[in-house]
């Protein structure tokens, strides 16, 4: 008798896609001047953020992309993006809501990616990697599509760190016997809390140039200075 495989509920997947679509609209509403976008542009960004994580997850797992097996994914991503565009002015004034929404979306995609990888038999570390790629995938595709610097690569972004922490906690929780659904809830919570705290307290990883300057300072401190 085979064990039941964890399946991501359609409603939960669509919530993540819809929230991603709203994020895309909020991102698009920030463009001014030559970078103004029309409805089609906003819809494409919403689709990239809402569906990109799931597409990357399934490609890494060598499975048929779930987001292309139902009409609801594209409709939800597009509708959410246009809805977010129409109410962008209201959303932009709710900065705390936006931060929480951003953190929740990262947590959801990371948890879904890690859970599916574990269900397919991947070891813990590769499963966490898939979860991180799923969490950050939509944002990466968005930046590439728009010809912008990839946000995850720059100082001040703890997307990958937060997603990785949540995915790791999820995977360890399942290894310790916690039910997949509750492990996913814990993983989402960990990612959301870390991301929100990082924004509130302006926490970031050390900048590469700062590390280089520190190295130079240490090396030059050993050089004797001869005063006249």
N, C-alpha and C. Protein backbone atom coordinates (compact mmCIF):
# COMPACT_ATOMS: atom_id res chain seq x y z
N UNK A 1 0.85 -1.21 0.00
CA UNK A 1 0.00 0.00 0.00
C UNK A 1 0.88 1.25 0.00
N UNK A 2 0.73 2.11 -0.98
CA UNK A 2 1.56 3.31 -1.10
C UNK A 2 1.03 4.42 -0.22
N UNK A 3 1.96 5.28 0.23
CA UNK A 3 1.57 6.41 1.07
C UNK A 3 0.95 7.50 0.21
N UNK A 4 -0.04 8.21 0.71
CA UNK A 4 -0.66 9.30 -0.06
C UNK A 4 0.34 10.41 -0.32
N UNK A 5 0.34 10.92 -1.53
CA UNK A 5 1.25 12.00 -1.91
C UNK A 5 0.59 13.34 -1.60
N UNK A 6 1.37 14.21 -1.02
CA UNK A 6 0.86 15.54 -0.68
C UNK A 6 0.51 16.30 -1.95
N UNK A 7 -0.69 16.79 -2.03
CA UNK A 7 -1.15 17.53 -3.20
C UNK A 7 -1.51 18.95 -2.76
N UNK A 8 -1.01 19.92 -3.50
CA UNK A 8 -1.32 21.31 -3.19
C UNK A 8 -2.77 21.58 -3.58
N UNK A 9 -3.62 21.99 -2.64
CA UNK A 9 -5.01 22.28 -2.97
C UNK A 9 -5.10 23.39 -4.02
N UNK A 10 -6.03 23.25 -4.95
CA UNK A 10 -6.18 24.23 -6.01
C UNK A 10 -6.45 25.62 -5.44
N UNK A 11 -7.31 25.70 -4.42
CA UNK A 11 -7.67 27.00 -3.85
C UNK A 11 -6.44 27.68 -3.23
N UNK A 12 -5.58 26.89 -2.60
CA UNK A 12 -4.38 27.47 -1.99
C UNK A 12 -3.42 27.96 -3.07
N UNK A 13 -3.25 27.17 -4.12
CA UNK A 13 -2.38 27.57 -5.22
C UNK A 13 -2.90 28.83 -5.89
N UNK A 14 -4.20 28.92 -6.06
CA UNK A 14 -4.79 30.10 -6.71
C UNK A 14 -4.68 31.34 -5.83
N UNK A 15 -4.73 31.17 -4.51
CA UNK A 15 -4.54 32.32 -3.61
C UNK A 15 -3.13 32.89 -3.80
N UNK A 16 -2.13 31.99 -3.86
CA UNK A 16 -0.76 32.44 -4.07
C UNK A 16 -0.61 33.13 -5.42
N UNK A 17 -1.22 32.55 -6.45
CA UNK A 17 -1.16 33.16 -7.79
C UNK A 17 -1.84 34.52 -7.80
N UNK A 18 -3.00 34.61 -7.15
CA UNK A 18 -3.72 35.89 -7.11
C UNK A 18 -2.96 36.96 -6.37
N UNK A 19 -2.38 36.61 -5.23
CA UNK A 19 -1.57 37.59 -4.48
C UNK A 19 -0.36 38.03 -5.30
N UNK A 20 0.23 37.08 -6.02
CA UNK A 20 1.34 37.44 -6.90
C UNK A 20 0.91 38.39 -8.00
N UNK A 21 -0.29 38.18 -8.53
CA UNK A 21 -0.80 39.08 -9.56
C UNK A 21 -0.99 40.49 -9.04
N UNK A 22 -1.50 40.61 -7.82
CA UNK A 22 -1.65 41.93 -7.21
C UNK A 22 -0.29 42.59 -7.00
N UNK A 23 0.69 41.79 -6.57
CA UNK A 23 2.05 42.32 -6.44
C UNK A 23 2.56 42.88 -7.76
N UNK A 24 2.28 42.15 -8.83
CA UNK A 24 2.72 42.61 -10.15
C UNK A 24 2.11 43.95 -10.50
N UNK A 25 0.84 44.13 -10.17
CA UNK A 25 0.17 45.39 -10.44
C UNK A 25 0.78 46.53 -9.63
N UNK A 26 1.07 46.26 -8.36
CA UNK A 26 1.69 47.29 -7.51
C UNK A 26 3.07 47.66 -8.03
N UNK A 27 3.81 46.66 -8.50
CA UNK A 27 5.13 46.92 -9.09
C UNK A 27 4.99 47.78 -10.35
N UNK A 28 4.04 47.41 -11.22
CA UNK A 28 3.86 48.13 -12.48
C UNK A 28 3.38 49.56 -12.25
N UNK A 29 2.61 49.78 -11.19
CA UNK A 29 2.08 51.12 -10.94
C UNK A 29 3.18 52.11 -10.55
N UNK A 30 4.36 51.61 -10.21
CA UNK A 30 5.45 52.50 -9.84
C UNK A 30 6.19 53.08 -11.02
N UNK A 31 5.92 52.60 -12.24
CA UNK A 31 6.62 53.11 -13.41
C UNK A 31 6.03 54.44 -13.84
N UNK A 32 6.90 55.34 -14.21
CA UNK A 32 6.48 56.66 -14.68
C UNK A 32 7.24 56.99 -15.96
N UNK A 33 6.76 58.00 -16.68
CA UNK A 33 7.46 58.48 -17.87
C UNK A 33 7.47 57.45 -18.98
N UNK A 34 8.68 57.13 -19.51
CA UNK A 34 8.80 56.24 -20.65
C UNK A 34 8.47 54.80 -20.29
N UNK A 35 8.46 54.47 -19.01
CA UNK A 35 8.23 53.09 -18.60
C UNK A 35 6.77 52.81 -18.23
N UNK A 36 5.86 53.69 -18.61
CA UNK A 36 4.46 53.44 -18.30
C UNK A 36 3.97 52.19 -19.01
N UNK A 37 3.11 51.44 -18.35
CA UNK A 37 2.61 50.18 -18.90
C UNK A 37 1.12 50.26 -19.13
N UNK A 38 0.65 49.55 -20.17
CA UNK A 38 -0.79 49.48 -20.41
C UNK A 38 -1.35 48.24 -19.72
N UNK A 39 -2.62 47.96 -19.97
CA UNK A 39 -3.27 46.82 -19.31
C UNK A 39 -2.55 45.50 -19.64
N UNK A 40 -2.12 45.37 -20.90
CA UNK A 40 -1.44 44.14 -21.30
C UNK A 40 -0.12 43.97 -20.54
N UNK A 41 0.63 45.08 -20.43
CA UNK A 41 1.89 45.01 -19.70
C UNK A 41 1.70 44.64 -18.25
N UNK A 42 0.70 45.22 -17.62
CA UNK A 42 0.41 44.90 -16.22
C UNK A 42 -0.01 43.44 -16.09
N UNK A 43 -0.83 42.97 -17.02
CA UNK A 43 -1.27 41.57 -16.98
C UNK A 43 -0.09 40.62 -17.12
N UNK A 44 0.84 40.94 -18.00
CA UNK A 44 2.01 40.07 -18.19
C UNK A 44 2.88 40.02 -16.94
N UNK A 45 3.06 41.17 -16.30
CA UNK A 45 3.84 41.18 -15.06
C UNK A 45 3.13 40.37 -13.98
N UNK A 46 1.82 40.52 -13.89
CA UNK A 46 1.06 39.74 -12.93
C UNK A 46 1.17 38.25 -13.18
N UNK A 47 1.14 37.86 -14.45
CA UNK A 47 1.28 36.45 -14.80
C UNK A 47 2.67 35.93 -14.44
N UNK A 48 3.70 36.75 -14.71
CA UNK A 48 5.06 36.34 -14.40
C UNK A 48 5.26 36.10 -12.91
N UNK A 49 4.75 37.02 -12.10
CA UNK A 49 4.92 36.88 -10.65
C UNK A 49 3.99 35.80 -10.09
N UNK A 50 2.76 35.76 -10.58
CA UNK A 50 1.80 34.80 -10.06
C UNK A 50 2.06 33.37 -10.47
N UNK A 51 2.58 33.17 -11.70
CA UNK A 51 2.77 31.82 -12.21
C UNK A 51 4.22 31.41 -12.34
N UNK A 52 5.13 32.39 -12.29
CA UNK A 52 6.55 32.08 -12.53
C UNK A 52 7.13 31.09 -11.54
N UNK A 53 6.80 31.26 -10.26
CA UNK A 53 7.33 30.37 -9.25
C UNK A 53 6.91 28.93 -9.47
N UNK A 54 5.64 28.73 -9.79
CA UNK A 54 5.14 27.38 -10.03
C UNK A 54 5.75 26.75 -11.28
N UNK A 55 5.95 27.56 -12.32
CA UNK A 55 6.55 27.05 -13.55
C UNK A 55 7.99 26.60 -13.30
N UNK A 56 8.76 27.43 -12.61
CA UNK A 56 10.15 27.08 -12.31
C UNK A 56 10.22 25.84 -11.42
N UNK A 57 9.35 25.79 -10.43
CA UNK A 57 9.29 24.62 -9.55
C UNK A 57 9.07 23.33 -10.33
N UNK A 58 8.08 23.32 -11.21
CA UNK A 58 7.75 22.10 -11.95
C UNK A 58 8.82 21.76 -12.98
N UNK A 59 9.46 22.77 -13.56
CA UNK A 59 10.56 22.50 -14.49
C UNK A 59 11.74 21.86 -13.77
N UNK A 60 12.06 22.36 -12.57
CA UNK A 60 13.15 21.77 -11.80
C UNK A 60 12.84 20.34 -11.38
N UNK A 61 11.56 20.07 -11.11
CA UNK A 61 11.14 18.74 -10.68
C UNK A 61 10.83 17.81 -11.86
N UNK A 62 10.95 18.34 -13.07
CA UNK A 62 10.71 17.56 -14.29
C UNK A 62 9.30 16.97 -14.31
N UNK A 63 8.33 17.80 -13.93
CA UNK A 63 6.93 17.39 -13.95
C UNK A 63 6.14 18.34 -14.85
N UNK A 64 4.97 17.93 -15.27
CA UNK A 64 4.13 18.78 -16.10
C UNK A 64 3.70 20.01 -15.30
N UNK A 65 3.92 21.23 -15.84
CA UNK A 65 3.54 22.44 -15.10
C UNK A 65 2.06 22.45 -14.74
N UNK A 66 1.78 22.47 -13.45
CA UNK A 66 0.40 22.45 -12.99
C UNK A 66 -0.35 23.70 -13.43
N UNK A 67 0.36 24.82 -13.50
CA UNK A 67 -0.28 26.09 -13.84
C UNK A 67 -0.82 26.12 -15.27
N UNK A 68 -0.39 25.15 -16.09
CA UNK A 68 -0.88 25.09 -17.47
C UNK A 68 -1.92 23.99 -17.66
N UNK A 69 -2.34 23.37 -16.57
CA UNK A 69 -3.31 22.28 -16.65
C UNK A 69 -4.72 22.72 -16.28
N UNK A 70 -4.89 24.01 -16.01
CA UNK A 70 -6.21 24.52 -15.65
C UNK A 70 -6.35 25.96 -16.15
N UNK A 71 -7.56 26.31 -16.54
CA UNK A 71 -7.81 27.68 -16.99
C UNK A 71 -7.69 28.69 -15.86
N UNK A 72 -7.88 28.24 -14.63
CA UNK A 72 -8.00 29.15 -13.50
C UNK A 72 -6.72 29.89 -13.18
N UNK A 73 -5.58 29.31 -13.46
CA UNK A 73 -4.32 29.97 -13.11
C UNK A 73 -4.12 31.26 -13.91
N UNK A 74 -4.23 31.16 -15.21
CA UNK A 74 -4.05 32.35 -16.05
C UNK A 74 -5.14 33.38 -15.77
N UNK A 75 -6.37 32.92 -15.62
CA UNK A 75 -7.46 33.85 -15.35
C UNK A 75 -7.27 34.55 -14.01
N UNK A 76 -6.84 33.80 -13.01
CA UNK A 76 -6.65 34.38 -11.68
C UNK A 76 -5.50 35.38 -11.68
N UNK A 77 -4.36 35.03 -12.30
CA UNK A 77 -3.21 35.94 -12.34
C UNK A 77 -3.55 37.22 -13.08
N UNK A 78 -4.22 37.08 -14.22
CA UNK A 78 -4.57 38.26 -15.02
C UNK A 78 -5.59 39.13 -14.30
N UNK A 79 -6.64 38.50 -13.79
CA UNK A 79 -7.67 39.26 -13.09
C UNK A 79 -7.13 39.97 -11.86
N UNK A 80 -6.28 39.28 -11.10
CA UNK A 80 -5.71 39.89 -9.89
C UNK A 80 -4.80 41.07 -10.26
N UNK A 81 -4.04 40.92 -11.35
CA UNK A 81 -3.16 42.01 -11.77
C UNK A 81 -3.97 43.25 -12.17
N UNK A 82 -5.01 43.06 -12.94
CA UNK A 82 -5.84 44.19 -13.36
C UNK A 82 -6.58 44.80 -12.16
N UNK A 83 -7.04 43.96 -11.26
CA UNK A 83 -7.69 44.45 -10.04
C UNK A 83 -6.71 45.29 -9.22
N UNK A 84 -5.50 44.79 -9.06
CA UNK A 84 -4.49 45.54 -8.33
C UNK A 84 -4.14 46.85 -9.00
N UNK A 85 -4.15 46.86 -10.35
CA UNK A 85 -3.83 48.09 -11.08
C UNK A 85 -4.91 49.14 -10.84
N UNK A 86 -6.17 48.73 -10.85
CA UNK A 86 -7.27 49.67 -10.65
C UNK A 86 -7.28 50.26 -9.24
N UNK A 87 -6.81 49.47 -8.28
CA UNK A 87 -6.81 49.93 -6.88
C UNK A 87 -5.40 50.22 -6.38
N UNK A 88 -4.48 50.47 -7.31
CA UNK A 88 -3.08 50.68 -6.92
C UNK A 88 -2.92 51.87 -5.98
N UNK A 89 -3.70 52.92 -6.23
CA UNK A 89 -3.59 54.10 -5.38
C UNK A 89 -3.91 53.80 -3.93
N UNK A 90 -4.93 52.96 -3.72
CA UNK A 90 -5.31 52.59 -2.36
C UNK A 90 -4.25 51.70 -1.73
N UNK A 91 -3.80 50.69 -2.51
CA UNK A 91 -2.80 49.76 -1.99
C UNK A 91 -1.50 50.45 -1.62
N UNK A 92 -1.08 51.42 -2.45
CA UNK A 92 0.20 52.08 -2.21
C UNK A 92 0.21 52.84 -0.90
N UNK A 93 -0.95 53.26 -0.44
CA UNK A 93 -1.01 53.98 0.84
C UNK A 93 -1.00 53.03 2.03
N UNK A 94 -1.17 51.75 1.77
CA UNK A 94 -1.16 50.76 2.84
C UNK A 94 0.17 50.02 2.81
N UNK A 95 1.24 50.70 3.16
CA UNK A 95 2.58 50.14 3.04
C UNK A 95 2.75 48.88 3.88
N UNK A 96 2.17 48.87 5.07
CA UNK A 96 2.32 47.69 5.93
C UNK A 96 1.63 46.47 5.32
N UNK A 97 0.49 46.71 4.69
CA UNK A 97 -0.22 45.61 4.05
C UNK A 97 0.62 45.06 2.89
N UNK A 98 1.24 45.95 2.14
CA UNK A 98 2.06 45.53 1.01
C UNK A 98 3.24 44.68 1.48
N UNK A 99 3.89 45.11 2.54
CA UNK A 99 5.03 44.36 3.08
C UNK A 99 4.58 42.97 3.52
N UNK A 100 3.47 42.91 4.25
CA UNK A 100 2.95 41.62 4.69
C UNK A 100 2.54 40.73 3.53
N UNK A 101 1.93 41.34 2.51
CA UNK A 101 1.51 40.59 1.33
C UNK A 101 2.71 40.00 0.61
N UNK A 102 3.74 40.81 0.46
CA UNK A 102 4.97 40.37 -0.19
C UNK A 102 5.58 39.19 0.54
N UNK A 103 5.66 39.29 1.86
CA UNK A 103 6.25 38.21 2.66
C UNK A 103 5.41 36.94 2.59
N UNK A 104 4.09 37.09 2.59
CA UNK A 104 3.20 35.94 2.54
C UNK A 104 3.32 35.20 1.21
N UNK A 105 3.42 35.95 0.12
CA UNK A 105 3.56 35.32 -1.21
C UNK A 105 4.85 34.52 -1.28
N UNK A 106 5.95 35.08 -0.78
CA UNK A 106 7.22 34.36 -0.77
C UNK A 106 7.09 33.07 0.03
N UNK A 107 6.45 33.18 1.19
CA UNK A 107 6.28 32.00 2.03
C UNK A 107 5.43 30.92 1.38
N UNK A 108 4.36 31.32 0.72
CA UNK A 108 3.48 30.34 0.08
C UNK A 108 4.18 29.60 -1.04
N UNK A 109 4.84 30.33 -1.94
CA UNK A 109 5.52 29.68 -3.05
C UNK A 109 6.68 28.81 -2.57
N UNK A 110 7.39 29.28 -1.55
CA UNK A 110 8.48 28.48 -1.01
C UNK A 110 7.98 27.19 -0.37
N UNK A 111 6.89 27.30 0.37
CA UNK A 111 6.32 26.11 1.03
C UNK A 111 5.78 25.12 0.01
N UNK A 112 5.08 25.61 -1.00
CA UNK A 112 4.53 24.72 -2.01
C UNK A 112 5.64 24.01 -2.78
N UNK A 113 6.69 24.76 -3.12
CA UNK A 113 7.80 24.16 -3.86
C UNK A 113 8.51 23.10 -3.06
N UNK A 114 8.79 23.40 -1.79
CA UNK A 114 9.49 22.43 -0.94
C UNK A 114 8.63 21.20 -0.68
N UNK A 115 7.35 21.40 -0.41
CA UNK A 115 6.45 20.28 -0.13
C UNK A 115 6.34 19.35 -1.33
N UNK A 116 6.22 19.92 -2.50
CA UNK A 116 6.10 19.08 -3.70
C UNK A 116 7.39 18.32 -3.96
N UNK A 117 8.53 18.97 -3.74
CA UNK A 117 9.82 18.31 -3.94
C UNK A 117 9.99 17.14 -2.97
N UNK A 118 9.61 17.34 -1.72
CA UNK A 118 9.70 16.26 -0.73
C UNK A 118 8.75 15.12 -1.08
N UNK A 119 7.56 15.48 -1.56
CA UNK A 119 6.58 14.45 -1.91
C UNK A 119 7.06 13.59 -3.07
N UNK A 120 7.88 14.17 -3.94
CA UNK A 120 8.42 13.42 -5.08
C UNK A 120 9.69 12.65 -4.72
N UNK A 121 10.10 12.73 -3.46
CA UNK A 121 11.22 11.93 -3.02
C UNK A 121 12.57 12.60 -3.01
N UNK A 122 12.63 13.91 -3.23
CA UNK A 122 13.92 14.60 -3.20
C UNK A 122 14.46 14.67 -1.77
N UNK A 123 15.79 14.61 -1.60
CA UNK A 123 16.38 14.80 -0.27
C UNK A 123 16.13 16.21 0.25
N UNK A 124 16.44 16.42 1.50
CA UNK A 124 16.12 17.67 2.17
C UNK A 124 16.75 18.89 1.50
N UNK A 125 18.06 18.83 1.26
CA UNK A 125 18.75 20.02 0.71
C UNK A 125 18.24 20.38 -0.69
N UNK A 126 18.16 19.43 -1.64
CA UNK A 126 17.59 19.79 -2.95
C UNK A 126 16.15 20.28 -2.86
N UNK A 127 15.36 19.74 -1.93
CA UNK A 127 13.97 20.19 -1.77
C UNK A 127 13.92 21.63 -1.31
N UNK A 128 14.82 22.00 -0.39
CA UNK A 128 14.89 23.39 0.05
C UNK A 128 15.30 24.30 -1.10
N UNK A 129 16.24 23.84 -1.92
CA UNK A 129 16.67 24.62 -3.08
C UNK A 129 15.51 24.87 -4.04
N UNK A 130 14.70 23.85 -4.29
CA UNK A 130 13.53 24.01 -5.16
C UNK A 130 12.56 25.02 -4.56
N UNK A 131 12.38 24.96 -3.24
CA UNK A 131 11.49 25.91 -2.59
C UNK A 131 11.96 27.34 -2.73
N UNK A 132 13.25 27.57 -2.58
CA UNK A 132 13.80 28.92 -2.72
C UNK A 132 13.62 29.41 -4.16
N UNK A 133 13.90 28.55 -5.13
CA UNK A 133 13.73 28.93 -6.54
C UNK A 133 12.28 29.26 -6.86
N UNK A 134 11.36 28.49 -6.28
CA UNK A 134 9.93 28.76 -6.51
C UNK A 134 9.51 30.08 -5.88
N UNK A 135 10.08 30.38 -4.70
CA UNK A 135 9.72 31.63 -4.01
C UNK A 135 10.23 32.85 -4.75
N UNK A 136 11.45 32.76 -5.28
CA UNK A 136 12.06 33.92 -5.93
C UNK A 136 11.87 33.94 -7.44
N UNK A 137 11.36 32.82 -7.99
CA UNK A 137 11.29 32.70 -9.45
C UNK A 137 10.45 33.75 -10.14
N UNK A 138 9.28 34.05 -9.57
CA UNK A 138 8.41 35.04 -10.21
C UNK A 138 9.04 36.40 -10.29
N UNK A 139 9.71 36.83 -9.22
CA UNK A 139 10.39 38.12 -9.22
C UNK A 139 11.53 38.17 -10.20
N UNK A 140 12.26 37.06 -10.33
CA UNK A 140 13.38 37.02 -11.28
C UNK A 140 12.87 37.13 -12.71
N UNK A 141 11.82 36.38 -13.04
CA UNK A 141 11.25 36.45 -14.39
C UNK A 141 10.72 37.85 -14.68
N UNK A 142 10.12 38.48 -13.69
CA UNK A 142 9.61 39.84 -13.85
C UNK A 142 10.73 40.80 -14.20
N UNK A 143 11.83 40.74 -13.46
CA UNK A 143 12.94 41.65 -13.68
C UNK A 143 13.59 41.41 -15.04
N UNK A 144 13.71 40.14 -15.42
CA UNK A 144 14.30 39.82 -16.73
C UNK A 144 13.40 40.34 -17.85
N UNK A 145 12.09 40.15 -17.71
CA UNK A 145 11.14 40.60 -18.72
C UNK A 145 11.18 42.12 -18.88
N UNK A 146 11.36 42.83 -17.76
CA UNK A 146 11.37 44.28 -17.79
C UNK A 146 12.75 44.87 -18.08
N UNK A 147 13.77 44.02 -18.20
CA UNK A 147 15.12 44.51 -18.43
C UNK A 147 15.68 45.26 -17.24
N UNK A 148 15.32 44.83 -16.05
CA UNK A 148 15.76 45.48 -14.82
C UNK A 148 16.79 44.61 -14.10
N UNK A 149 17.61 45.21 -13.22
CA UNK A 149 18.52 44.39 -12.41
C UNK A 149 17.71 43.43 -11.55
N UNK A 150 18.17 42.20 -11.46
CA UNK A 150 17.45 41.19 -10.68
C UNK A 150 17.53 41.56 -9.21
N UNK A 151 16.38 41.81 -8.59
CA UNK A 151 16.33 42.35 -7.23
C UNK A 151 16.97 41.42 -6.21
N UNK A 152 16.83 40.11 -6.43
CA UNK A 152 17.31 39.16 -5.43
C UNK A 152 18.84 39.19 -5.29
N UNK A 153 19.52 39.76 -6.30
CA UNK A 153 20.98 39.78 -6.30
C UNK A 153 21.56 41.00 -5.60
N UNK A 154 20.73 41.91 -5.15
CA UNK A 154 21.22 43.19 -4.65
C UNK A 154 21.05 43.32 -3.14
N UNK A 155 21.86 44.21 -2.57
CA UNK A 155 21.84 44.45 -1.13
C UNK A 155 20.46 44.94 -0.71
N UNK A 156 20.01 44.46 0.46
CA UNK A 156 18.72 44.88 0.97
C UNK A 156 17.62 43.89 0.70
N UNK A 157 17.91 42.83 -0.07
CA UNK A 157 16.89 41.83 -0.37
C UNK A 157 17.19 40.55 0.42
N UNK A 158 16.25 40.16 1.27
CA UNK A 158 16.39 38.91 2.01
C UNK A 158 15.36 37.89 1.54
N UNK A 159 14.95 38.00 0.28
CA UNK A 159 13.97 37.06 -0.25
C UNK A 159 14.46 35.63 -0.12
N UNK A 160 15.67 35.37 -0.65
CA UNK A 160 16.19 34.01 -0.66
C UNK A 160 16.47 33.51 0.75
N UNK A 161 16.97 34.39 1.61
CA UNK A 161 17.26 34.00 2.99
C UNK A 161 15.97 33.62 3.73
N UNK A 162 14.97 34.46 3.61
CA UNK A 162 13.69 34.18 4.27
C UNK A 162 13.05 32.91 3.72
N UNK A 163 13.05 32.78 2.39
CA UNK A 163 12.47 31.60 1.77
C UNK A 163 13.24 30.35 2.16
N UNK A 164 14.57 30.45 2.17
CA UNK A 164 15.39 29.30 2.54
C UNK A 164 15.16 28.86 3.97
N UNK A 165 15.04 29.82 4.88
CA UNK A 165 14.79 29.49 6.28
C UNK A 165 13.45 28.79 6.45
N UNK A 166 12.41 29.34 5.80
CA UNK A 166 11.10 28.71 5.90
C UNK A 166 11.06 27.33 5.27
N UNK A 167 11.71 27.18 4.11
CA UNK A 167 11.74 25.88 3.45
C UNK A 167 12.50 24.86 4.28
N UNK A 168 13.60 25.29 4.92
CA UNK A 168 14.39 24.37 5.75
C UNK A 168 13.58 23.91 6.97
N UNK A 169 12.91 24.85 7.62
CA UNK A 169 12.08 24.49 8.78
C UNK A 169 10.97 23.53 8.35
N UNK A 170 10.37 23.80 7.21
CA UNK A 170 9.31 22.91 6.70
C UNK A 170 9.85 21.50 6.48
N UNK A 171 10.99 21.40 5.81
CA UNK A 171 11.56 20.09 5.50
C UNK A 171 11.94 19.33 6.77
N UNK A 172 12.56 20.03 7.71
CA UNK A 172 12.94 19.39 8.97
C UNK A 172 11.71 18.96 9.75
N UNK A 173 10.68 19.77 9.73
CA UNK A 173 9.44 19.43 10.44
C UNK A 173 8.83 18.15 9.89
N UNK A 174 8.85 18.03 8.56
CA UNK A 174 8.32 16.81 7.97
C UNK A 174 9.19 15.61 8.30
N UNK A 175 10.50 15.81 8.32
CA UNK A 175 11.40 14.71 8.67
C UNK A 175 11.14 14.23 10.10
N UNK A 176 10.73 15.16 10.96
CA UNK A 176 10.47 14.81 12.37
C UNK A 176 9.07 14.25 12.58
N UNK A 177 8.29 14.14 11.50
CA UNK A 177 7.00 13.49 11.60
C UNK A 177 5.80 14.40 11.60
N UNK A 178 6.00 15.71 11.45
CA UNK A 178 4.86 16.63 11.41
C UNK A 178 4.11 16.46 10.10
N UNK A 179 2.80 16.55 10.14
CA UNK A 179 1.99 16.40 8.94
C UNK A 179 2.37 17.46 7.91
N UNK A 180 2.38 17.10 6.60
CA UNK A 180 2.81 18.04 5.56
C UNK A 180 2.08 19.38 5.59
N UNK A 181 0.77 19.34 5.87
CA UNK A 181 0.00 20.59 5.88
C UNK A 181 0.48 21.50 7.00
N UNK A 182 0.67 20.95 8.19
CA UNK A 182 1.12 21.77 9.31
C UNK A 182 2.57 22.19 9.15
N UNK A 183 3.37 21.33 8.53
CA UNK A 183 4.76 21.72 8.24
C UNK A 183 4.80 22.90 7.28
N UNK A 184 3.88 22.89 6.30
CA UNK A 184 3.80 24.00 5.35
C UNK A 184 3.37 25.28 6.05
N UNK A 185 2.43 25.17 6.98
CA UNK A 185 1.98 26.35 7.74
C UNK A 185 3.14 26.94 8.54
N UNK A 186 3.92 26.08 9.18
CA UNK A 186 5.07 26.55 9.95
C UNK A 186 6.09 27.20 9.03
N UNK A 187 6.36 26.58 7.87
CA UNK A 187 7.32 27.14 6.93
C UNK A 187 6.91 28.51 6.41
N UNK A 188 5.62 28.66 6.09
CA UNK A 188 5.11 29.96 5.63
C UNK A 188 5.27 31.01 6.72
N UNK A 189 4.95 30.63 7.95
CA UNK A 189 5.04 31.57 9.07
C UNK A 189 6.48 32.03 9.28
N UNK A 190 7.43 31.10 9.22
CA UNK A 190 8.84 31.46 9.42
C UNK A 190 9.31 32.42 8.33
N UNK A 191 9.00 32.11 7.07
CA UNK A 191 9.40 32.99 5.97
C UNK A 191 8.78 34.37 6.11
N UNK A 192 7.50 34.42 6.43
CA UNK A 192 6.80 35.70 6.55
C UNK A 192 7.40 36.55 7.66
N UNK A 193 7.64 35.95 8.81
CA UNK A 193 8.18 36.71 9.94
C UNK A 193 9.57 37.25 9.63
N UNK A 194 10.44 36.42 9.06
CA UNK A 194 11.80 36.86 8.74
C UNK A 194 11.78 37.99 7.73
N UNK A 195 10.95 37.86 6.71
CA UNK A 195 10.90 38.90 5.67
C UNK A 195 10.36 40.21 6.25
N UNK A 196 9.31 40.14 7.05
CA UNK A 196 8.73 41.36 7.64
C UNK A 196 9.74 42.03 8.56
N UNK A 197 10.41 41.25 9.42
CA UNK A 197 11.41 41.82 10.32
C UNK A 197 12.57 42.44 9.55
N UNK A 198 12.94 41.82 8.44
CA UNK A 198 14.03 42.36 7.63
C UNK A 198 13.67 43.73 7.07
N UNK A 199 12.40 43.90 6.67
CA UNK A 199 11.96 45.18 6.13
C UNK A 199 11.82 46.22 7.24
N UNK A 200 11.20 45.82 8.34
CA UNK A 200 10.94 46.76 9.44
C UNK A 200 12.24 47.28 10.05
N UNK A 201 13.20 46.38 10.25
CA UNK A 201 14.45 46.76 10.92
C UNK A 201 15.60 46.97 9.94
N UNK A 202 15.29 46.96 8.64
CA UNK A 202 16.30 47.24 7.60
C UNK A 202 17.50 46.30 7.74
N UNK A 203 17.23 45.01 7.80
CA UNK A 203 18.27 44.00 7.94
C UNK A 203 18.65 43.50 6.55
N UNK A 204 19.94 43.38 6.30
CA UNK A 204 20.42 42.86 5.01
C UNK A 204 21.72 42.13 5.22
N UNK A 205 22.09 41.33 4.24
CA UNK A 205 23.38 40.64 4.29
C UNK A 205 24.50 41.64 4.02
N UNK A 206 25.73 41.32 4.47
CA UNK A 206 26.86 42.24 4.23
C UNK A 206 27.09 42.47 2.74
N UNK A 207 27.37 43.70 2.40
CA UNK A 207 27.65 44.04 1.01
C UNK A 207 29.03 43.53 0.60
N UNK A 208 29.13 43.05 -0.62
CA UNK A 208 30.40 42.49 -1.09
C UNK A 208 31.53 43.49 -1.00
N UNK A 209 31.26 44.75 -1.35
CA UNK A 209 32.31 45.76 -1.29
C UNK A 209 32.74 46.04 0.14
N UNK A 210 31.79 45.93 1.07
CA UNK A 210 32.14 46.13 2.47
C UNK A 210 33.08 45.04 2.95
N UNK A 211 32.83 43.80 2.51
CA UNK A 211 33.73 42.71 2.87
C UNK A 211 35.11 42.93 2.27
N UNK A 212 35.13 43.44 1.04
CA UNK A 212 36.41 43.68 0.39
C UNK A 212 37.18 44.78 1.12
N UNK A 213 36.48 45.85 1.51
CA UNK A 213 37.14 46.93 2.23
C UNK A 213 37.68 46.44 3.57
N UNK A 214 36.92 45.55 4.21
CA UNK A 214 37.38 45.01 5.49
C UNK A 214 38.64 44.17 5.29
N UNK A 215 38.68 43.38 4.22
CA UNK A 215 39.84 42.56 3.93
C UNK A 215 41.06 43.43 3.67
N UNK A 216 40.89 44.49 2.90
CA UNK A 216 41.99 45.40 2.60
C UNK A 216 42.49 46.06 3.88
N UNK A 217 41.54 46.44 4.75
CA UNK A 217 41.93 47.09 6.00
C UNK A 217 42.77 46.16 6.87
N UNK A 218 42.37 44.89 6.91
CA UNK A 218 43.11 43.91 7.71
C UNK A 218 44.50 43.70 7.13
N UNK A 219 44.59 43.61 5.80
CA UNK A 219 45.89 43.36 5.18
C UNK A 219 46.83 44.56 5.32
N UNK A 220 46.28 45.74 5.15
CA UNK A 220 47.13 46.93 5.22
C UNK A 220 47.52 47.28 6.65
N UNK A 221 46.77 46.77 7.62
CA UNK A 221 47.11 47.06 9.02
C UNK A 221 48.42 46.41 9.41
N UNK A 222 48.82 45.37 8.67
CA UNK A 222 50.08 44.69 8.96
C UNK A 222 51.28 45.38 8.35
N UNK A 223 51.02 46.37 7.50
CA UNK A 223 52.12 47.09 6.86
C UNK A 223 52.62 48.21 7.78
N UNK A 224 53.86 48.16 8.17
CA UNK A 224 54.36 49.21 9.06
C UNK A 224 54.39 50.58 8.40
N UNK A 225 53.98 51.60 9.15
CA UNK A 225 53.96 52.96 8.62
C UNK A 225 55.15 53.69 9.21
N UNK A 226 56.04 54.14 8.35
CA UNK A 226 57.25 54.84 8.80
C UNK A 226 56.99 56.34 8.77
N UNK A 227 57.04 56.93 9.95
CA UNK A 227 56.83 58.36 10.03
C UNK A 227 58.15 59.09 9.95
N UNK A 228 58.22 60.22 9.27
CA UNK A 228 59.46 60.98 9.17
C UNK A 228 59.87 61.56 10.53
